[in-house]
Amino acid sequence: MKPKIQYTKLPPEETHRLLLETRAARPKDQPMWVFGFGSLMWNPCFSYDVKASALLRGYDRKFHIWTTRARGTPDNPGLGLCLEDCMGMCRGIAYRLLEDDIEAAWERLWEREMGSGVYRASWVSVETEDHGRVPALTFIVNRDHPHYAGPMPSEQMAEIMAGACGSYGPCRDYLAGTVEEMRKLNVFDQDLEALLAKVDALENIKQE
């Protein structure tokens, strides 16, 4: 049985404080880059002039957070992606934002990623194929947050994700979109490929 996960929302003054803090920490005299590892890879919410394959070392892409709005509900939660700090690496997409759009980009990113507080907005160093190493903003999991689900068996993950749906659509499509973008980057994640197959098998059973 799926747990009931109540949506947690940060107070407006806290989200604003985090925004000011993150903006103040932006590397000086550098273009603003954002590193996408999930839906930002296929659905960025900002304007950019460069989109580049990028590698982030020391972190891994994991479905370790509960989603109760975007890809699930409190009564039928799904699982969302986060970055876990570890000894691994994560291949994603780095975007160089247009300076004329940065103010609006901050607002859209904060509304999309920072409402609950399950992420910590962080500046990291990513390696791009054509632009060398660049500082980039990304979103790392806050393990102390109630939306942090943590590791679990793939069979349990598939049970949670199958049939979960939120305001952005089915949880299954979020997983499939991630797998598709990773394939475009010539990255084959055996665990996520197997998880997608399990979710599809469960959803096919439910439709029969």
Foldseek 3Di string as FASTA:
>chain_A
DDAQADFAFDDPVVLVVLLVVLVVPPDPPAFAKAWDQFCCQPDNPAAFDDKFKKKFAQKDKDQFFWDDAQAANRVQIATDIFIDGHGGMGITMMTGGDPVTVVVSSVVCSVPPPGRPQWRWDWGWIQTDPPGIDIYTYTHGDCVGSRGRGDDDLLVNLVSQQPGGHPNGGSLVRLVVSCVSCVVVVHHDPSSVVSSVSNVVVNVVVVD
